[in-house]
């Protein structure tokens, strides 16, 4: 059962990672566009920074730590069962 939960969490973290990478791509494109005086949505991106992108980055970091801790616990429990 733990493997199923960890695999589900891993899948959600991978989806979140691609969202964070896509939002970084949008940011980089918007900054380059702004330097050429082309509106590529920098103001919209900036308005979404606090309510959307910061929590996504926080969830990604917290999830990575949680997955590591859960894997460590699962390995310790498995070692206790086998000995």
PDB file of N, CA and C in Angstrom:
ATOM      1  N   UNK A   1       0.812  -1.186   0.000  1.00  0.00           N
ATOM      2  CA  UNK A   1       0.000   0.000   0.000  1.00  0.00           C
ATOM      3  C   UNK A   1       0.863   1.261   0.000  1.00  0.00           C
ATOM      4  N   UNK A   2       1.970   1.245   0.765  1.00  0.00           N
ATOM      5  CA  UNK A   2       2.861   2.400   0.798  1.00  0.00           C
ATOM      6  C   UNK A   2       3.395   2.723  -0.578  1.00  0.00           C
ATOM      7  N   UNK A   3       3.714   1.678  -1.352  1.00  0.00           N
ATOM      8  CA  UNK A   3       4.246   1.920  -2.691  1.00  0.00           C
ATOM      9  C   UNK A   3       3.242   2.646  -3.571  1.00  0.00           C
ATOM     10  N   UNK A   4       1.981   2.283  -3.408  1.00  0.00           N
ATOM     11  CA  UNK A   4       0.947   2.940  -4.205  1.00  0.00           C
ATOM     12  C   UNK A   4       0.803   4.414  -3.818  1.00  0.00           C
ATOM     13  N   UNK A   5       0.850   4.692  -2.525  1.00  0.00           N
ATOM     14  CA  UNK A   5       0.754   6.079  -2.045  1.00  0.00           C
ATOM     15  C   UNK A   5       1.963   6.881  -2.524  1.00  0.00           C
ATOM     16  N   UNK A   6       3.163   6.304  -2.389  1.00  0.00           N
ATOM     17  CA  UNK A   6       4.374   7.007  -2.810  1.00  0.00           C
ATOM     18  C   UNK A   6       4.394   7.238  -4.318  1.00  0.00           C
ATOM     19  N   UNK A   7       3.922   6.262  -5.077  1.00  0.00           N
ATOM     20  CA  UNK A   7       3.865   6.445  -6.532  1.00  0.00           C
ATOM     21  C   UNK A   7       2.876   7.540  -6.913  1.00  0.00           C
ATOM     22  N   UNK A   8       1.750   7.614  -6.213  1.00  0.00           N
ATOM     23  CA  UNK A   8       0.787   8.683  -6.464  1.00  0.00           C
ATOM     24  C   UNK A   8       1.361  10.051  -6.129  1.00  0.00           C
ATOM     25  N   UNK A   9       2.050  10.139  -4.999  1.00  0.00           N
ATOM     26  CA  UNK A   9       2.690  11.401  -4.632  1.00  0.00           C
ATOM     27  C   UNK A   9       3.785  11.776  -5.625  1.00  0.00           C
ATOM     28  N   UNK A  10       4.541  10.795  -6.066  1.00  0.00           N
ATOM     29  CA  UNK A  10       5.576  11.066  -7.068  1.00  0.00           C
ATOM     30  C   UNK A  10       4.964  11.595  -8.356  1.00  0.00           C
ATOM     31  N   UNK A  11       3.850  11.024  -8.779  1.00  0.00           N
ATOM     32  CA  UNK A  11       3.193  11.481 -10.008  1.00  0.00           C
ATOM     33  C   UNK A  11       2.722  12.923  -9.855  1.00  0.00           C
ATOM     34  N   UNK A  12       2.150  13.245  -8.696  1.00  0.00           N
ATOM     35  CA  UNK A  12       1.707  14.626  -8.461  1.00  0.00           C
ATOM     36  C   UNK A  12       2.887  15.592  -8.437  1.00  0.00           C
ATOM     37  N   UNK A  13       4.000  15.165  -7.855  1.00  0.00           N
ATOM     38  CA  UNK A  13       5.176  16.033  -7.822  1.00  0.00           C
ATOM     39  C   UNK A  13       5.763  16.243  -9.215  1.00  0.00           C
ATOM     40  N   UNK A  14       5.721  15.215 -10.046  1.00  0.00           N
ATOM     41  CA  UNK A  14       6.212  15.375 -11.422  1.00  0.00           C
ATOM     42  C   UNK A  14       5.326  16.356 -12.185  1.00  0.00           C
ATOM     43  N   UNK A  15       4.020  16.242 -12.019  1.00  0.00           N
ATOM     44  CA  UNK A  15       3.108  17.191 -12.665  1.00  0.00           C
ATOM     45  C   UNK A  15       3.371  18.608 -12.167  1.00  0.00           C
ATOM     46  N   UNK A  16       3.594  18.750 -10.867  1.00  0.00           N
ATOM     47  CA  UNK A  16       3.891  20.058 -10.289  1.00  0.00           C
ATOM     48  C   UNK A  16       5.221  20.595 -10.817  1.00  0.00           C
ATOM     49  N   UNK A  17       6.202  19.710 -10.962  1.00  0.00           N
ATOM     50  CA  UNK A  17       7.498  20.135 -11.507  1.00  0.00           C
ATOM     51  C   UNK A  17       7.343  20.699 -12.911  1.00  0.00           C
ATOM     52  N   UNK A  18       6.560  20.029 -13.756  1.00  0.00           N
ATOM     53  CA  UNK A  18       6.363  20.546 -15.109  1.00  0.00           C
ATOM     54  C   UNK A  18       5.608  21.861 -15.106  1.00  0.00           C
ATOM     55  N   UNK A  19       4.686  22.040 -14.161  1.00  0.00           N
ATOM     56  CA  UNK A  19       4.001  23.326 -14.039  1.00  0.00           C
ATOM     57  C   UNK A  19       4.976  24.426 -13.648  1.00  0.00           C
ATOM     58  N   UNK A  20       5.850  24.138 -12.689  1.00  0.00           N
ATOM     59  CA  UNK A  20       6.842  25.133 -12.255  1.00  0.00           C
ATOM     60  C   UNK A  20       7.808  25.452 -13.396  1.00  0.00           C
ATOM     61  N   UNK A  21       8.239  24.441 -14.129  1.00  0.00           N
ATOM     62  CA  UNK A  21       9.137  24.689 -15.265  1.00  0.00           C
ATOM     63  C   UNK A  21       8.455  25.498 -16.356  1.00  0.00           C
ATOM     64  N   UNK A  22       7.184  25.200 -16.626  1.00  0.00           N
ATOM     65  CA  UNK A  22       6.449  25.969 -17.629  1.00  0.00           C
ATOM     66  C   UNK A  22       6.274  27.421 -17.186  1.00  0.00           C
ATOM     67  N   UNK A  23       6.000  27.624 -15.910  1.00  0.00           N
ATOM     68  CA  UNK A  23       5.851  29.004 -15.434  1.00  0.00           C
ATOM     69  C   UNK A  23       7.183  29.746 -15.478  1.00  0.00           C
ATOM     70  N   UNK A  24       8.298  29.043 -15.243  1.00  0.00           N
ATOM     71  CA  UNK A  24       9.599  29.685 -15.410  1.00  0.00           C
ATOM     72  C   UNK A  24       9.848  30.037 -16.872  1.00  0.00           C
ATOM     73  N   UNK A  25       9.461  29.162 -17.788  1.00  0.00           N
ATOM     74  CA  UNK A  25       9.594  29.468 -19.211  1.00  0.00           C
ATOM     75  C   UNK A  25       8.781  30.689 -19.598  1.00  0.00           C
ATOM     76  N   UNK A  26       7.569  30.787 -19.057  1.00  0.00           N
ATOM     77  CA  UNK A  26       6.737  31.965 -19.306  1.00  0.00           C
ATOM     78  C   UNK A  26       7.419  33.210 -18.762  1.00  0.00           C
ATOM     79  N   UNK A  27       7.974  33.123 -17.551  1.00  0.00           N
ATOM     80  CA  UNK A  27       8.660  34.264 -16.951  1.00  0.00           C
ATOM     81  C   UNK A  27       9.845  34.703 -17.809  1.00  0.00           C
ATOM     82  N   UNK A  28      10.679  33.752 -18.220  1.00  0.00           N
ATOM     83  CA  UNK A  28      11.860  34.098 -19.019  1.00  0.00           C
ATOM     84  C   UNK A  28      11.453  34.732 -20.345  1.00  0.00           C
ATOM     85  N   UNK A  29      10.428  34.175 -20.982  1.00  0.00           N
ATOM     86  CA  UNK A  29       9.950  34.731 -22.248  1.00  0.00           C
ATOM     87  C   UNK A  29       9.386  36.137 -22.050  1.00  0.00           C
ATOM     88  N   UNK A  30       8.642  36.331 -20.973  1.00  0.00           N
ATOM     89  CA  UNK A  30       8.044  37.647 -20.710  1.00  0.00           C
ATOM     90  C   UNK A  30       9.108  38.690 -20.400  1.00  0.00           C
ATOM     91  N   UNK A  31      10.171  38.293 -19.704  1.00  0.00           N
ATOM     92  CA  UNK A  31      11.242  39.241 -19.398  1.00  0.00           C
ATOM     93  C   UNK A  31      11.976  39.640 -20.673  1.00  0.00           C
ATOM     94  N   UNK A  32      12.251  38.668 -21.534  1.00  0.00           N
ATOM     95  CA  UNK A  32      12.908  38.987 -22.809  1.00  0.00           C
ATOM     96  C   UNK A  32      12.003  39.880 -23.653  1.00  0.00           C
ATOM     97  N   UNK A  33      10.723  39.558 -23.697  1.00  0.00           N
ATOM     98  CA  UNK A  33       9.780  40.396 -24.438  1.00  0.00           C
ATOM     99  C   UNK A  33       9.699  41.800 -23.882  1.00  0.00           C
ATOM    100  N   UNK A  34       9.753  41.923 -22.574  1.00  0.00           N
ATOM    101  CA  UNK A  34       9.698  43.254 -21.967  1.00  0.00           C
ATOM    102  C   UNK A  34      10.934  44.073 -22.325  1.00  0.00           C
ATOM    103  N   UNK A  35      12.079  43.418 -22.449  1.00  0.00           N
ATOM    104  CA  UNK A  35      13.293  44.154 -22.811  1.00  0.00           C
ATOM    105  C   UNK A  35      13.222  44.678 -24.244  1.00  0.00           C
ATOM    106  N   UNK A  36      12.384  44.032 -25.076  1.00  0.00           N
ATOM    107  CA  UNK A  36      12.184  44.506 -26.450  1.00  0.00           C
ATOM    108  C   UNK A  36      10.886  45.297 -26.598  1.00  0.00           C
ATOM    109  N   UNK A  37      10.284  45.691 -25.481  1.00  0.00           N
ATOM    110  CA  UNK A  37       9.020  46.441 -25.460  1.00  0.00           C
ATOM    111  C   UNK A  37       7.883  45.699 -26.153  1.00  0.00           C
ATOM    112  N   UNK A  38       7.856  44.370 -25.953  1.00  0.00           N
ATOM    113  CA  UNK A  38       6.763  43.540 -26.464  1.00  0.00           C
ATOM    114  C   UNK A  38       6.047  42.959 -25.250  1.00  0.00           C
ATOM    115  N   UNK A  39       4.737  43.133 -25.201  1.00  0.00           N
ATOM    116  CA  UNK A  39       3.972  42.638 -24.058  1.00  0.00           C
ATOM    117  C   UNK A  39       3.713  41.146 -24.220  1.00  0.00           C
ATOM    118  N   UNK A  40       4.400  40.336 -23.412  1.00  0.00           N
ATOM    119  CA  UNK A  40       4.201  38.885 -23.429  1.00  0.00           C
ATOM    120  C   UNK A  40       3.635  38.377 -22.110  1.00  0.00           C
ATOM    121  N   UNK A  41       3.004  39.245 -21.360  1.00  0.00           N
ATOM    122  CA  UNK A  41       2.304  38.829 -20.160  1.00  0.00           C
ATOM    123  C   UNK A  41       3.096  38.903 -18.876  1.00  0.00           C
ATOM    124  N   UNK A  42       4.109  39.755 -18.823  1.00  0.00           N
ATOM    125  CA  UNK A  42       4.885  39.861 -17.594  1.00  0.00           C
ATOM    126  C   UNK A  42       4.036  40.371 -16.436  1.00  0.00           C
ATOM    127  N   UNK A  43       3.205  41.363 -16.683  1.00  0.00           N
ATOM    128  CA  UNK A  43       2.364  41.911 -15.608  1.00  0.00           C
ATOM    129  C   UNK A  43       1.378  40.866 -15.087  1.00  0.00           C
ATOM    130  N   UNK A  44       0.814  40.065 -15.988  1.00  0.00           N
ATOM    131  CA  UNK A  44      -0.073  38.983 -15.566  1.00  0.00           C
ATOM    132  C   UNK A  44       0.700  37.938 -14.766  1.00  0.00           C
ATOM    133  N   UNK A  45       1.887  37.568 -15.248  1.00  0.00           N
ATOM    134  CA  UNK A  45       2.712  36.599 -14.531  1.00  0.00           C
ATOM    135  C   UNK A  45       3.040  37.112 -13.132  1.00  0.00           C
ATOM    136  N   UNK A  46       3.414  38.380 -13.044  1.00  0.00           N
ATOM    137  CA  UNK A  46       3.772  38.964 -11.758  1.00  0.00           C
ATOM    138  C   UNK A  46       2.579  39.007 -10.804  1.00  0.00           C
ATOM    139  N   UNK A  47       1.387  39.243 -11.339  1.00  0.00           N
ATOM    140  CA  UNK A  47       0.200  39.259 -10.479  1.00  0.00           C
ATOM    141  C   UNK A  47      -0.145  37.860  -9.976  1.00  0.00           C
ATOM    142  N   UNK A  48       0.274  36.821 -10.682  1.00  0.00           N
ATOM    143  CA  UNK A  48       0.026  35.435 -10.259  1.00  0.00           C
ATOM    144  C   UNK A  48       1.160  34.863  -9.412  1.00  0.00           C
ATOM    145  N   UNK A  49       2.226  35.611  -9.217  1.00  0.00           N
ATOM    146  CA  UNK A  49       3.392  35.101  -8.487  1.00  0.00           C
ATOM    147  C   UNK A  49       3.023  34.643  -7.072  1.00  0.00           C
ATOM    148  N   UNK A  50       2.398  35.521  -6.299  1.00  0.00           N
ATOM    149  CA  UNK A  50       2.098  35.181  -4.902  1.00  0.00           C
ATOM    150  C   UNK A  50       0.990  34.136  -4.767  1.00  0.00           C
ATOM    151  N   UNK A  51      -0.141  34.271  -5.454  1.00  0.00           N
ATOM    152  CA  UNK A  51      -1.204  33.286  -5.204  1.00  0.00           C
ATOM    153  C   UNK A  51      -1.033  31.942  -5.909  1.00  0.00           C
ATOM    154  N   UNK A  52      -0.181  31.855  -6.928  1.00  0.00           N
ATOM    155  CA  UNK A  52      -0.116  30.616  -7.704  1.00  0.00           C
ATOM    156  C   UNK A  52       1.277  30.003  -7.750  1.00  0.00           C
ATOM    157  N   UNK A  53       2.268  30.778  -8.121  1.00  0.00           N
ATOM    158  CA  UNK A  53       3.589  30.205  -8.363  1.00  0.00           C
ATOM    159  C   UNK A  53       4.373  29.931  -7.081  1.00  0.00           C
ATOM    160  N   UNK A  54       4.284  30.815  -6.099  1.00  0.00           N
ATOM    161  CA  UNK A  54       4.980  30.557  -4.838  1.00  0.00           C
ATOM    162  C   UNK A  54       4.468  29.305  -4.135  1.00  0.00           C
ATOM    163  N   UNK A  55       3.153  29.091  -4.033  1.00  0.00           N
ATOM    164  CA  UNK A  55       2.695  27.837  -3.428  1.00  0.00           C
ATOM    165  C   UNK A  55       3.108  26.602  -4.231  1.00  0.00           C
ATOM    166  N   UNK A  56       3.130  26.710  -5.552  1.00  0.00           N
ATOM    167  CA  UNK A  56       3.546  25.562  -6.365  1.00  0.00           C
ATOM    168  C   UNK A  56       5.000  25.199  -6.085  1.00  0.00           C
ATOM    169  N   UNK A  57       5.850  26.192  -5.948  1.00  0.00           N
ATOM    170  CA  UNK A  57       7.260  25.938  -5.630  1.00  0.00           C
ATOM    171  C   UNK A  57       7.381  25.365  -4.222  1.00  0.00           C
ATOM    172  N   UNK A  58       6.617  25.892  -3.285  1.00  0.00           N
ATOM    173  CA  UNK A  58       6.639  25.380  -1.913  1.00  0.00           C
ATOM    174  C   UNK A  58       6.154  23.944  -1.824  1.00  0.00           C
ATOM    175  N   UNK A  59       5.091  23.622  -2.554  1.00  0.00           N
ATOM    176  CA  UNK A  59       4.589  22.244  -2.584  1.00  0.00           C
ATOM    177  C   UNK A  59       5.626  21.319  -3.180  1.00  0.00           C
ATOM    178  N   UNK A  60       6.313  21.775  -4.211  1.00  0.00           N
ATOM    179  CA  UNK A  60       7.358  20.959  -4.831  1.00  0.00           C
ATOM    180  C   UNK A  60       8.478  20.654  -3.840  1.00  0.00           C
ATOM    181  N   UNK A  61       8.936  21.655  -3.113  1.00  0.00           N
ATOM    182  CA  UNK A  61      10.012  21.439  -2.136  1.00  0.00           C
ATOM    183  C   UNK A  61       9.542  20.570  -0.969  1.00  0.00           C
ATOM    184  N   UNK A  62       8.376  20.878  -0.420  1.00  0.00           N
ATOM    185  CA  UNK A  62       7.858  20.104   0.708  1.00  0.00           C
ATOM    186  C   UNK A  62       7.569  18.659   0.295  1.00  0.00           C
ATOM    187  N   UNK A  63       7.054  18.486  -0.898  1.00  0.00           N
ATOM    188  CA  UNK A  63       6.771  17.134  -1.385  1.00  0.00           C
ATOM    189  C   UNK A  63       8.027  16.321  -1.594  1.00  0.00           C
ATOM    190  N   UNK A  64       9.068  16.953  -2.100  1.00  0.00           N
ATOM    191  CA  UNK A  64      10.331  16.233  -2.287  1.00  0.00           C
ATOM    192  C   UNK A  64      10.898  15.780  -0.945  1.00  0.00           C
ATOM    193  N   UNK A  65      10.817  16.634   0.058  1.00  0.00           N
ATOM    194  CA  UNK A  65      11.280  16.257   1.394  1.00  0.00           C
ATOM    195  C   UNK A  65      10.404  15.153   1.964  1.00  0.00           C
ATOM    196  N   UNK A  66       9.104  15.270   1.821  1.00  0.00           N
ATOM    197  CA  UNK A  66       8.177  14.266   2.351  1.00  0.00           C
ATOM    198  C   UNK A  66       8.395  12.911   1.691  1.00  0.00           C
ATOM    199  N   UNK A  67       8.587  12.893   0.375  1.00  0.00           N
ATOM    200  CA  UNK A  67       8.831  11.632  -0.327  1.00  0.00           C
ATOM    201  C   UNK A  67      10.116  10.994   0.195  1.00  0.00           C
ATOM    202  N   UNK A  68      11.146  11.784   0.386  1.00  0.00           N
ATOM    203  CA  UNK A  68      12.402  11.248   0.902  1.00  0.00           C
ATOM    204  C   UNK A  68      12.237  10.644   2.280  1.00  0.00           C
ATOM    205  N   UNK A  69      11.518  11.341   3.156  1.00  0.00           N
ATOM    206  CA  UNK A  69      11.295  10.837   4.510  1.00  0.00           C
ATOM    207  C   UNK A  69      10.438   9.576   4.484  1.00  0.00           C
ATOM    208  N   UNK A  70       9.381   9.568   3.671  1.00  0.00           N
ATOM    209  CA  UNK A  70       8.527   8.376   3.585  1.00  0.00           C
ATOM    210  C   UNK A  70       9.276   7.179   3.016  1.00  0.00           C
ATOM    211  N   UNK A  71      10.124   7.400   2.015  1.00  0.00           N
ATOM    212  CA  UNK A  71      10.939   6.299   1.472  1.00  0.00           C
ATOM    213  C   UNK A  71      11.898   5.763   2.531  1.00  0.00           C
ATOM    214  N   UNK A  72      12.493   6.682   3.303  1.00  0.00           N
ATOM    215  CA  UNK A  72      13.420   6.268   4.351  1.00  0.00           C
ATOM    216  C   UNK A  72      12.699   5.419   5.394  1.00  0.00           C
ATOM    217  N   UNK A  73      11.493   5.860   5.803  1.00  0.00           N
ATOM    218  CA  UNK A  73      10.705   5.104   6.774  1.00  0.00           C
ATOM    219  C   UNK A  73      10.314   3.748   6.205  1.00  0.00           C
ATOM    220  N   UNK A  74       9.884   3.714   4.954  1.00  0.00           N
ATOM    221  CA  UNK A  74       9.496   2.453   4.332  1.00  0.00           C
ATOM    222  C   UNK A  74      10.678   1.486   4.262  1.00  0.00           C
ATOM    223  N   UNK A  75      11.859   1.986   3.947  1.00  0.00           N
ATOM    224  CA  UNK A  75      13.047   1.131   3.901  1.00  0.00           C
ATOM    225  C   UNK A  75      13.403   0.606   5.287  1.00  0.00           C
ATOM    226  N   UNK A  76      13.292   1.442   6.304  1.00  0.00           N
ATOM    227  CA  UNK A  76      13.576   1.002   7.680  1.00  0.00           C
ATOM    228  C   UNK A  76      12.577  -0.056   8.125  1.00  0.00           C
ATOM    229  N   UNK A  77      11.308   0.137   7.817  1.00  0.00           N
ATOM    230  CA  UNK A  77      10.296  -0.855   8.184  1.00  0.00           C
ATOM    231  C   UNK A  77      10.525  -2.176   7.458  1.00  0.00           C
ATOM    232  N   UNK A  78      10.903  -2.102   6.206  1.00  0.00           N
ATOM    233  CA  UNK A  78      11.194  -3.302   5.428  1.00  0.00           C
ATOM    234  C   UNK A  78      12.397  -4.043   6.004  1.00  0.00           C
ATOM    235  N   UNK A  79      13.400  -3.295   6.431  1.00  0.00           N
ATOM    236  CA  UNK A  79      14.589  -3.914   7.031  1.00  0.00           C
ATOM    237  C   UNK A  79      14.232  -4.581   8.363  1.00  0.00           C
ATOM    238  N   UNK A  80      13.345  -3.966   9.137  1.00  0.00           N
ATOM    239  CA  UNK A  80      12.920  -4.571  10.396  1.00  0.00           C
ATOM    240  C   UNK A  80      12.117  -5.840  10.179  1.00  0.00           C
ATOM    241  N   UNK A  81      11.295  -5.853   9.159  1.00  0.00           N
ATOM    242  CA  UNK A  81      10.482  -7.044   8.855  1.00  0.00           C
ATOM    243  C   UNK A  81      11.333  -8.202   8.358  1.00  0.00           C
ATOM    244  N   UNK A  82      12.345  -7.895   7.596  1.00  0.00           N
ATOM    245  CA  UNK A  82      13.171  -8.969   7.019  1.00  0.00           C
ATOM    246  C   UNK A  82      14.170  -9.544   8.013  1.00  0.00           C
ATOM    247  N   UNK A  83      14.463  -8.826   9.100  1.00  0.00           N
ATOM    248  CA  UNK A  83      15.445  -9.364  10.053  1.00  0.00           C
ATOM    249  C   UNK A  83      14.810 -10.092  11.215  1.00  0.00           C
TER     250      UNK A  83
END
